[in-house]
PDB file of N, CA and C in Angstrom:
ATOM      1  N   UNK A   1       0.880  -1.268   0.030  1.00  0.00           N
ATOM      2  CA  UNK A   1      -0.120   0.110   0.028  1.00  0.00           C
ATOM      3  C   UNK A   1       0.846   1.164   0.142  1.00  0.00           C
ATOM      4  N   UNK A   2       0.516   2.081  -0.773  1.00  0.00           N
ATOM      5  CA  UNK A   2       1.492   3.500  -0.930  1.00  0.00           C
ATOM      6  C   UNK A   2       1.258   4.338   0.545  1.00  0.00           C
ATOM      7  N   UNK A   3       2.342   5.178   0.706  1.00  0.00           N
ATOM      8  CA  UNK A   3       2.360   6.064   1.694  1.00  0.00           C
ATOM      9  C   UNK A   3       0.915   6.867   1.493  1.00  0.00           C
ATOM     10  N   UNK A   4       0.561   7.358   2.820  1.00  0.00           N
ATOM     11  CA  UNK A   4      -0.654   8.132   3.152  1.00  0.00           C
ATOM     12  C   UNK A   4      -2.048   7.348   2.892  1.00  0.00           C
ATOM     13  N   UNK A   5      -1.951   6.082   2.452  1.00  0.00           N
ATOM     14  CA  UNK A   5      -3.195   5.538   2.272  1.00  0.00           C
ATOM     15  C   UNK A   5      -4.145   5.694   3.300  1.00  0.00           C
ATOM     16  N   UNK A   6      -5.396   5.900   3.116  1.00  0.00           N
ATOM     17  CA  UNK A   6      -6.531   6.303   3.996  1.00  0.00           C
ATOM     18  C   UNK A   6      -7.328   4.896   4.426  1.00  0.00           C
ATOM     19  N   UNK A   7      -8.202   5.102   5.362  1.00  0.00           N
ATOM     20  CA  UNK A   7      -9.192   3.899   5.668  1.00  0.00           C
ATOM     21  C   UNK A   7      -9.775   3.423   4.390  1.00  0.00           C
ATOM     22  N   UNK A   8     -10.583   4.149   3.603  1.00  0.00           N
ATOM     23  CA  UNK A   8     -11.176   3.520   2.564  1.00  0.00           C
ATOM     24  C   UNK A   8     -10.238   2.699   1.718  1.00  0.00           C
ATOM     25  N   UNK A   9      -8.882   3.154   1.368  1.00  0.00           N
ATOM     26  CA  UNK A   9      -8.184   2.402   0.610  1.00  0.00           C
ATOM     27  C   UNK A   9      -7.730   1.088   1.164  1.00  0.00           C
ATOM     28  N   UNK A  10      -7.248   0.956   2.407  1.00  0.00           N
ATOM     29  CA  UNK A  10      -7.208  -0.237   3.197  1.00  0.00           C
ATOM     30  C   UNK A  10      -8.385  -1.064   3.163  1.00  0.00           C
ATOM     31  N   UNK A  11      -9.493  -0.535   3.494  1.00  0.00           N
ATOM     32  CA  UNK A  11     -10.513  -1.374   3.697  1.00  0.00           C
ATOM     33  C   UNK A  11     -11.110  -1.987   2.393  1.00  0.00           C
ATOM     34  N   UNK A  12     -10.684  -1.126   1.223  1.00  0.00           N
ATOM     35  CA  UNK A  12     -11.088  -1.815  -0.208  1.00  0.00           C
ATOM     36  C   UNK A  12     -10.004  -2.973  -0.567  1.00  0.00           C
ATOM     37  N   UNK A  13      -8.900  -2.579  -0.212  1.00  0.00           N
ATOM     38  CA  UNK A  13      -7.942  -3.586  -0.529  1.00  0.00           C
ATOM     39  C   UNK A  13      -8.229  -4.973   0.264  1.00  0.00           C
ATOM     40  N   UNK A  14      -8.410  -4.684   1.552  1.00  0.00           N
ATOM     41  CA  UNK A  14      -8.785  -5.982   2.526  1.00  0.00           C
ATOM     42  C   UNK A  14      -9.857  -6.839   1.814  1.00  0.00           C
ATOM     43  N   UNK A  15     -11.048  -6.013   1.533  1.00  0.00           N
ATOM     44  CA  UNK A  15     -12.024  -6.788   0.837  1.00  0.00           C
ATOM     45  C   UNK A  15     -11.516  -7.540  -0.354  1.00  0.00           C
ATOM     46  N   UNK A  16     -10.853  -6.791  -1.275  1.00  0.00           N
ATOM     47  CA  UNK A  16     -10.513  -7.552  -2.465  1.00  0.00           C
ATOM     48  C   UNK A  16      -9.540  -8.950  -2.195  1.00  0.00           C
ATOM     49  N   UNK A  17      -8.651  -8.653  -1.302  1.00  0.00           N
ATOM     50  CA  UNK A  17      -7.978  -9.660  -0.988  1.00  0.00           C
ATOM     51  C   UNK A  17      -8.666 -11.003  -0.482  1.00  0.00           C
ATOM     52  N   UNK A  18      -9.717 -10.602   0.418  1.00  0.00           N
ATOM     53  CA  UNK A  18     -10.639 -11.542   1.160  1.00  0.00           C
ATOM     54  C   UNK A  18     -11.169 -12.387   0.147  1.00  0.00           C
ATOM     55  N   UNK A  19     -11.988 -11.574  -0.923  1.00  0.00           N
ATOM     56  CA  UNK A  19     -12.764 -12.191  -1.817  1.00  0.00           C
ATOM     57  C   UNK A  19     -11.983 -13.138  -2.617  1.00  0.00           C
ATOM     58  N   UNK A  20     -10.536 -12.804  -2.858  1.00  0.00           N
ATOM     59  CA  UNK A  20      -9.662 -13.710  -3.652  1.00  0.00           C
ATOM     60  C   UNK A  20      -9.247 -14.885  -3.131  1.00  0.00           C
ATOM     61  N   UNK A  21      -8.930 -14.682  -1.769  1.00  0.00           N
ATOM     62  CA  UNK A  21      -8.716 -15.982  -0.872  1.00  0.00           C
ATOM     63  C   UNK A  21      -9.596 -16.763  -0.874  1.00  0.00           C
ATOM     64  N   UNK A  22     -10.793 -16.211  -0.672  1.00  0.00           N
ATOM     65  CA  UNK A  22     -12.111 -17.127  -0.553  1.00  0.00           C
ATOM     66  C   UNK A  22     -12.383 -18.040  -1.948  1.00  0.00           C
ATOM     67  N   UNK A  23     -12.151 -17.231  -3.042  1.00  0.00           N
ATOM     68  CA  UNK A  23     -12.423 -17.929  -4.158  1.00  0.00           C
ATOM     69  C   UNK A  23     -11.222 -19.022  -4.495  1.00  0.00           C
ATOM     70  N   UNK A  24      -9.854 -18.681  -4.222  1.00  0.00           N
ATOM     71  CA  UNK A  24      -8.844 -19.689  -4.575  1.00  0.00           C
ATOM     72  C   UNK A  24      -8.774 -20.862  -3.594  1.00  0.00           C
ATOM     73  N   UNK A  25      -8.692 -20.349  -2.466  1.00  0.00           N
ATOM     74  CA  UNK A  25      -8.565 -21.297  -1.220  1.00  0.00           C
ATOM     75  C   UNK A  25      -9.488 -21.711  -0.346  1.00  0.00           C
ATOM     76  N   UNK A  26     -10.541 -21.114  -0.199  1.00  0.00           N
ATOM     77  CA  UNK A  26     -11.501 -21.670   0.553  1.00  0.00           C
ATOM     78  C   UNK A  26     -11.220 -21.987   2.119  1.00  0.00           C
ATOM     79  N   UNK A  27     -10.327 -20.992   2.789  1.00  0.00           N
ATOM     80  CA  UNK A  27      -9.880 -21.393   3.981  1.00  0.00           C
ATOM     81  C   UNK A  27     -10.748 -21.532   5.262  1.00  0.00           C
ATOM     82  N   UNK A  28     -10.286 -22.549   6.028  1.00  0.00           N
ATOM     83  CA  UNK A  28     -11.166 -22.792   7.195  1.00  0.00           C
ATOM     84  C   UNK A  28     -10.799 -21.722   8.188  1.00  0.00           C
ATOM     85  N   UNK A  29      -9.529 -21.238   8.396  1.00  0.00           N
ATOM     86  CA  UNK A  29      -9.195 -20.040   9.344  1.00  0.00           C
ATOM     87  C   UNK A  29      -8.286 -19.146   8.591  1.00  0.00           C
ATOM     88  N   UNK A  30      -8.048 -18.044   9.124  1.00  0.00           N
ATOM     89  CA  UNK A  30      -7.241 -16.970   8.596  1.00  0.00           C
ATOM     90  C   UNK A  30      -6.700 -16.358   9.744  1.00  0.00           C
ATOM     91  N   UNK A  31      -5.483 -16.212   9.895  1.00  0.00           N
ATOM     92  CA  UNK A  31      -4.514 -15.601  10.662  1.00  0.00           C
ATOM     93  C   UNK A  31      -4.081 -14.121  10.601  1.00  0.00           C
ATOM     94  N   UNK A  32      -4.519 -13.293  11.468  1.00  0.00           N
ATOM     95  CA  UNK A  32      -4.310 -11.929  11.237  1.00  0.00           C
ATOM     96  C   UNK A  32      -3.252 -11.510  12.092  1.00  0.00           C
ATOM     97  N   UNK A  33      -2.469 -10.522  11.678  1.00  0.00           N
ATOM     98  CA  UNK A  33      -1.394  -9.894  12.501  1.00  0.00           C
ATOM     99  C   UNK A  33      -1.628  -8.523  12.434  1.00  0.00           C
ATOM    100  N   UNK A  34      -1.998  -7.711  13.411  1.00  0.00           N
ATOM    101  CA  UNK A  34      -2.148  -6.305  13.303  1.00  0.00           C
ATOM    102  C   UNK A  34      -1.170  -5.641  13.947  1.00  0.00           C
ATOM    103  N   UNK A  35      -0.439  -4.235  13.400  1.00  0.00           N
ATOM    104  CA  UNK A  35       0.262  -3.591  13.999  1.00  0.00           C
ATOM    105  C   UNK A  35      -0.490  -2.052  13.854  1.00  0.00           C
ATOM    106  N   UNK A  36      -0.112  -1.205  14.674  1.00  0.00           N
ATOM    107  CA  UNK A  36      -0.666   0.039  14.724  1.00  0.00           C
ATOM    108  C   UNK A  36       0.134   0.983  14.290  1.00  0.00           C
ATOM    109  N   UNK A  37       1.244   0.748  13.344  1.00  0.00           N
ATOM    110  CA  UNK A  37       2.090   1.937  12.845  1.00  0.00           C
ATOM    111  C   UNK A  37       1.538   2.625  11.574  1.00  0.00           C
ATOM    112  N   UNK A  38       0.382   1.910  11.222  1.00  0.00           N
ATOM    113  CA  UNK A  38      -0.316   2.639  10.016  1.00  0.00           C
ATOM    114  C   UNK A  38      -1.184   3.831  10.379  1.00  0.00           C
ATOM    115  N   UNK A  39      -1.384   3.824  11.708  1.00  0.00           N
ATOM    116  CA  UNK A  39      -2.309   4.818  12.318  1.00  0.00           C
ATOM    117  C   UNK A  39      -1.581   6.422  12.053  1.00  0.00           C
ATOM    118  N   UNK A  40      -2.502   7.222  11.728  1.00  0.00           N
ATOM    119  CA  UNK A  40      -1.950   8.594  11.357  1.00  0.00           C
ATOM    120  C   UNK A  40      -1.278   9.249  12.424  1.00  0.00           C
ATOM    121  N   UNK A  41      -1.336   8.709  13.733  1.00  0.00           N
ATOM    122  CA  UNK A  41      -1.113   9.530  14.912  1.00  0.00           C
ATOM    123  C   UNK A  41       0.154   8.628  15.555  1.00  0.00           C
ATOM    124  N   UNK A  42       0.739   7.643  14.881  1.00  0.00           N
ATOM    125  CA  UNK A  42       1.800   6.831  15.283  1.00  0.00           C
ATOM    126  C   UNK A  42       3.047   7.577  15.503  1.00  0.00           C
ATOM    127  N   UNK A  43       3.621   7.598  16.587  1.00  0.00           N
ATOM    128  CA  UNK A  43       4.720   8.386  16.849  1.00  0.00           C
ATOM    129  C   UNK A  43       6.015   8.254  15.884  1.00  0.00           C
ATOM    130  N   UNK A  44       6.080   6.954  15.439  1.00  0.00           N
ATOM    131  CA  UNK A  44       7.277   6.518  14.508  1.00  0.00           C
ATOM    132  C   UNK A  44       7.215   7.177  13.300  1.00  0.00           C
ATOM    133  N   UNK A  45       6.003   7.395  12.592  1.00  0.00           N
ATOM    134  CA  UNK A  45       5.926   8.007  11.226  1.00  0.00           C
ATOM    135  C   UNK A  45       5.099   9.316  11.231  1.00  0.00           C
ATOM    136  N   UNK A  46       4.364   9.585  12.282  1.00  0.00           N
ATOM    137  CA  UNK A  46       3.730  11.026  12.265  1.00  0.00           C
ATOM    138  C   UNK A  46       4.173  12.015  11.579  1.00  0.00           C
ATOM    139  N   UNK A  47       5.457  12.324  11.805  1.00  0.00           N
ATOM    140  CA  UNK A  47       6.216  13.662  11.252  1.00  0.00           C
ATOM    141  C   UNK A  47       7.057  13.340  10.259  1.00  0.00           C
ATOM    142  N   UNK A  48       7.201  12.237   9.548  1.00  0.00           N
ATOM    143  CA  UNK A  48       7.946  11.838   8.633  1.00  0.00           C
ATOM    144  C   UNK A  48       7.284  11.790   7.065  1.00  0.00           C
ATOM    145  N   UNK A  49       5.926  11.958   6.942  1.00  0.00           N
ATOM    146  CA  UNK A  49       5.053  11.750   5.790  1.00  0.00           C
ATOM    147  C   UNK A  49       5.645  10.615   5.061  1.00  0.00           C
ATOM    148  N   UNK A  50       5.847   9.176   5.887  1.00  0.00           N
ATOM    149  CA  UNK A  50       6.228   8.085   5.038  1.00  0.00           C
ATOM    150  C   UNK A  50       5.272   7.185   5.666  1.00  0.00           C
ATOM    151  N   UNK A  51       4.236   7.350   6.393  1.00  0.00           N
ATOM    152  CA  UNK A  51       3.127   6.194   6.810  1.00  0.00           C
ATOM    153  C   UNK A  51       1.917   6.231   5.998  1.00  0.00           C
ATOM    154  N   UNK A  52       1.163   5.557   6.771  1.00  0.00           N
ATOM    155  CA  UNK A  52      -0.179   5.480   6.182  1.00  0.00           C
ATOM    156  C   UNK A  52      -1.070   6.620   7.193  1.00  0.00           C
ATOM    157  N   UNK A  53      -2.211   6.808   6.714  1.00  0.00           N
ATOM    158  CA  UNK A  53      -3.027   7.822   7.233  1.00  0.00           C
ATOM    159  C   UNK A  53      -4.615   7.295   7.886  1.00  0.00           C
ATOM    160  N   UNK A  54      -4.250   6.294   8.537  1.00  0.00           N
ATOM    161  CA  UNK A  54      -5.389   5.600   9.105  1.00  0.00           C
ATOM    162  C   UNK A  54      -5.816   5.811  10.506  1.00  0.00           C
ATOM    163  N   UNK A  55      -7.260   5.413  10.654  1.00  0.00           N
ATOM    164  CA  UNK A  55      -7.551   5.811  11.961  1.00  0.00           C
ATOM    165  C   UNK A  55      -7.722   4.525  12.743  1.00  0.00           C
ATOM    166  N   UNK A  56      -8.002   4.497  13.981  1.00  0.00           N
ATOM    167  CA  UNK A  56      -8.422   3.360  14.665  1.00  0.00           C
ATOM    168  C   UNK A  56      -9.700   2.654  14.066  1.00  0.00           C
ATOM    169  N   UNK A  57     -10.666   3.465  13.865  1.00  0.00           N
ATOM    170  CA  UNK A  57     -11.864   3.096  13.241  1.00  0.00           C
ATOM    171  C   UNK A  57     -11.770   1.960  12.009  1.00  0.00           C
ATOM    172  N   UNK A  58     -10.743   2.920  11.010  1.00  0.00           N
ATOM    173  CA  UNK A  58     -10.649   1.942   9.729  1.00  0.00           C
ATOM    174  C   UNK A  58      -9.959   0.821  10.128  1.00  0.00           C
ATOM    175  N   UNK A  59      -8.926   0.940  10.962  1.00  0.00           N
ATOM    176  CA  UNK A  59      -8.308  -0.422  11.160  1.00  0.00           C
ATOM    177  C   UNK A  59      -9.176  -1.499  11.799  1.00  0.00           C
ATOM    178  N   UNK A  60      -9.987  -1.029  12.636  1.00  0.00           N
ATOM    179  CA  UNK A  60     -11.110  -1.872  13.219  1.00  0.00           C
ATOM    180  C   UNK A  60     -11.938  -2.535  12.198  1.00  0.00           C
ATOM    181  N   UNK A  61     -12.222  -1.593  11.348  1.00  0.00           N
ATOM    182  CA  UNK A  61     -13.081  -2.245  10.351  1.00  0.00           C
ATOM    183  C   UNK A  61     -12.452  -3.470   9.341  1.00  0.00           C
ATOM    184  N   UNK A  62     -11.060  -3.264   9.378  1.00  0.00           N
ATOM    185  CA  UNK A  62     -10.303  -4.254   8.587  1.00  0.00           C
ATOM    186  C   UNK A  62     -10.450  -5.604   9.397  1.00  0.00           C
ATOM    187  N   UNK A  63     -10.108  -5.206  10.651  1.00  0.00           N
ATOM    188  CA  UNK A  63     -10.191  -6.652  11.288  1.00  0.00           C
ATOM    189  C   UNK A  63     -11.711  -7.198  11.596  1.00  0.00           C
ATOM    190  N   UNK A  64     -12.695  -6.309  11.524  1.00  0.00           N
ATOM    191  CA  UNK A  64     -14.178  -6.933  11.409  1.00  0.00           C
ATOM    192  C   UNK A  64     -14.251  -7.637  10.290  1.00  0.00           C
ATOM    193  N   UNK A  65     -13.829  -7.153   9.136  1.00  0.00           N
ATOM    194  CA  UNK A  65     -14.031  -7.917   7.926  1.00  0.00           C
ATOM    195  C   UNK A  65     -13.262  -9.337   7.813  1.00  0.00           C
ATOM    196  N   UNK A  66     -12.094  -9.360   8.318  1.00  0.00           N
ATOM    197  CA  UNK A  66     -11.413 -10.423   8.586  1.00  0.00           C
ATOM    198  C   UNK A  66     -11.972 -11.548   9.478  1.00  0.00           C
ATOM    199  N   UNK A  67     -12.364 -11.142  10.705  1.00  0.00           N
ATOM    200  CA  UNK A  67     -13.211 -11.821  11.782  1.00  0.00           C
ATOM    201  C   UNK A  67     -14.356 -12.626  10.988  1.00  0.00           C
ATOM    202  N   UNK A  68     -15.113 -11.828  10.258  1.00  0.00           N
ATOM    203  CA  UNK A  68     -16.363 -12.168   9.776  1.00  0.00           C
ATOM    204  C   UNK A  68     -16.280 -13.069   8.501  1.00  0.00           C
ATOM    205  N   UNK A  69     -14.896 -13.287   7.691  1.00  0.00           N
ATOM    206  CA  UNK A  69     -14.672 -13.854   6.804  1.00  0.00           C
ATOM    207  C   UNK A  69     -15.015 -15.247   6.487  1.00  0.00           C
ATOM    208  N   UNK A  70     -14.399 -16.076   7.571  1.00  0.00           N
ATOM    209  CA  UNK A  70     -14.536 -17.509   7.840  1.00  0.00           C
ATOM    210  C   UNK A  70     -15.886 -18.090   8.410  1.00  0.00           C
TER     211      UNK A  70
END
């Protein structure tokens, strides 16, 4: 994902990837590893213009979509 991606960008990508995973693999489980460095307020990237521009709500929506996938 490119620098500065927003909630809608990541949610769209997660939805696309999940649909492809479902079509191709039909998994019984999905393991999700989530970090918070994509949040726009993360101290590691907030002043560098190198990170993503996500909100906690957007990240949580991605987690919800994965949790409801299987």
